[in-house]
Amino acid sequence: PVDEMKRYGNAMTIDLETGSSKVSLRGTITENTLMISRIDDFNRIYLVPQGNIFIVEYADRPGVLAQITSACAQNNINIEDIHAPRNTEGSKALSIVLTDRPVPAEAVEKIKQAVQATKAVSISIP
């Protein structure tokens, strides 16, 4: 269905489901560039989907972003940019960390456990 209230000229929502895992993405094209504007109930993301992206979802509390960036440094991973929106209720946070190389699977799992994340994934998009 088209949501005329959003006033996006070129917008799309994609709902992905695999087994028990689901994610909803909303994107738009602005200045001829694809941009993700929402992931699940996290708005105002404005992420260009390319390069190495490390995404962590967790209960919003102080110090978690510091743990994530410290773990990247310990793995000799340079951070290019960070987006850290909260969900609409303010109970959850999403850290989207753009890195110079992929975060190794072992580091993803360690970070997920250390920050008690509900989700953690490292993806590379050409």
Protein backbone atom coordinates (compact mmCIF):
# COMPACT_ATOMS: atom_id res chain seq x y z
CA PRO A 1 0.00 0.00 0.00
CA VAL A 2 1.09 3.55 -0.73
CA ASP A 3 1.37 5.87 2.26
CA GLU A 4 0.57 9.29 0.78
CA MET A 5 1.17 10.98 4.16
CA LYS A 6 4.91 10.23 4.01
CA ARG A 7 5.30 12.40 0.88
CA TYR A 8 8.22 10.38 -0.46
CA GLY A 9 8.47 10.47 -4.23
CA ASN A 10 10.45 7.24 -4.46
CA ALA A 11 10.03 5.14 -1.33
CA MET A 12 9.86 1.42 -0.69
CA THR A 13 9.37 -0.82 2.32
CA ILE A 14 10.84 -4.32 2.29
CA ASP A 15 9.91 -6.91 4.91
CA LEU A 16 12.38 -9.80 5.14
CA GLU A 17 11.68 -13.00 7.04
CA THR A 18 13.87 -16.08 7.58
CA GLY A 19 12.78 -18.64 10.13
CA SER A 20 12.13 -16.75 13.37
CA SER A 21 14.01 -13.63 12.27
CA LYS A 22 12.26 -10.63 10.69
CA VAL A 23 13.38 -7.16 9.61
CA SER A 24 11.55 -4.31 7.94
CA LEU A 25 13.49 -1.75 5.89
CA ARG A 26 12.21 1.53 4.46
CA GLY A 27 14.26 3.30 1.89
CA THR A 28 14.11 6.16 -0.53
CA ILE A 29 16.11 7.58 -3.39
CA THR A 30 17.40 11.07 -2.85
CA GLU A 31 19.78 12.91 -5.18
CA ASN A 32 20.05 9.65 -7.18
CA THR A 33 21.35 7.81 -4.10
CA LEU A 34 19.62 4.87 -2.41
CA MET A 35 19.18 5.58 1.30
CA ILE A 36 17.76 3.47 4.14
CA SER A 37 15.61 5.69 6.33
CA ARG A 38 14.11 3.13 8.73
CA ILE A 39 15.01 -0.29 10.12
CA ASP A 40 12.13 -1.89 12.06
CA ASP A 41 10.99 0.84 14.49
CA PHE A 42 14.20 2.90 14.28
CA ASN A 43 13.59 6.06 12.24
CA ARG A 44 15.81 8.82 10.79
CA ILE A 45 18.69 6.49 9.95
CA TYR A 46 19.69 7.96 6.55
CA LEU A 47 22.20 5.25 5.72
CA VAL A 48 23.66 4.68 2.27
CA PRO A 49 23.78 0.86 2.04
CA GLN A 50 27.35 0.23 0.92
CA GLY A 51 30.67 -0.84 2.37
CA ASN A 52 31.18 -2.62 5.69
CA ILE A 53 28.32 -2.15 8.12
CA PHE A 54 28.16 -3.48 11.69
CA ILE A 55 24.68 -3.31 13.25
CA VAL A 56 23.93 -3.95 16.94
CA GLU A 57 20.50 -3.71 18.62
CA TYR A 58 20.33 -3.56 22.43
CA ALA A 59 18.44 -2.18 25.41
CA ASP A 60 19.22 1.54 25.52
CA ARG A 61 21.58 2.35 28.39
CA PRO A 62 24.77 4.38 28.92
CA GLY A 63 28.14 2.96 27.92
CA VAL A 64 27.11 0.45 25.26
CA LEU A 65 28.35 2.49 22.31
CA ALA A 66 31.70 2.88 24.11
CA GLN A 67 31.93 -0.93 24.48
CA ILE A 68 31.18 -1.41 20.78
CA THR A 69 33.76 1.13 19.60
CA SER A 70 36.36 -0.21 22.05
CA ALA A 71 35.85 -3.75 20.71
CA CYS A 72 36.34 -2.44 17.17
CA ALA A 73 39.61 -0.80 18.24
CA GLN A 74 40.79 -4.02 19.93
CA ASN A 75 40.21 -5.81 16.60
CA ASN A 76 42.14 -3.11 14.70
CA ILE A 77 38.97 -2.01 12.89
CA ASN A 78 38.76 1.65 11.99
CA ILE A 79 35.36 3.37 12.29
CA GLU A 80 34.30 5.62 9.42
CA ASP A 81 30.90 6.73 10.74
CA ILE A 82 28.28 5.87 13.37
CA HIS A 83 24.50 6.21 13.45
CA ALA A 84 22.93 5.51 16.85
CA PRO A 85 19.15 6.06 16.81
CA ARG A 86 16.72 5.03 19.54
CA ASN A 87 13.42 3.34 18.77
CA THR A 88 10.15 5.25 18.96
CA GLU A 89 9.59 4.29 22.62
CA GLY A 90 13.20 5.03 23.59
CA SER A 91 13.69 1.60 25.16
CA LYS A 92 16.01 0.16 22.48
CA ALA A 93 19.01 1.54 20.61
CA LEU A 94 20.56 0.59 17.31
CA SER A 95 24.23 1.21 16.61
CA ILE A 96 25.09 1.25 12.93
CA VAL A 97 28.86 1.37 12.64
CA LEU A 98 30.49 1.87 9.24
CA THR A 99 33.95 0.31 9.27
CA ASP A 100 37.01 0.05 7.03
CA ARG A 101 36.74 -3.76 6.96
CA PRO A 102 34.22 -6.40 8.08
CA VAL A 103 33.93 -7.18 11.78
CA PRO A 104 34.97 -10.87 12.17
CA ALA A 105 32.26 -13.33 13.25
CA GLU A 106 34.06 -14.08 16.54
CA ALA A 107 34.15 -10.37 17.41
CA VAL A 108 30.47 -9.96 16.48
CA GLU A 109 29.55 -12.76 18.88
CA LYS A 110 31.77 -11.39 21.70
CA ILE A 111 30.29 -7.90 21.32
CA LYS A 112 26.75 -9.31 21.19
CA GLN A 113 27.31 -11.12 24.49
CA ALA A 114 29.20 -8.25 26.15
CA VAL A 115 26.45 -5.67 25.51
CA GLN A 116 23.59 -8.19 25.87
CA ALA A 117 22.45 -7.36 22.34
CA THR A 118 19.27 -8.79 20.88
CA LYS A 119 20.81 -8.65 17.38
CA ALA A 120 24.30 -8.16 15.99
CA VAL A 121 25.40 -8.57 12.38
CA SER A 122 28.31 -7.53 10.19
CA ILE A 123 27.53 -7.14 6.49
CA SER A 124 29.52 -6.04 3.45
CA ILE A 125 27.76 -4.43 0.49
CA PRO A 126 29.78 -3.62 -2.63
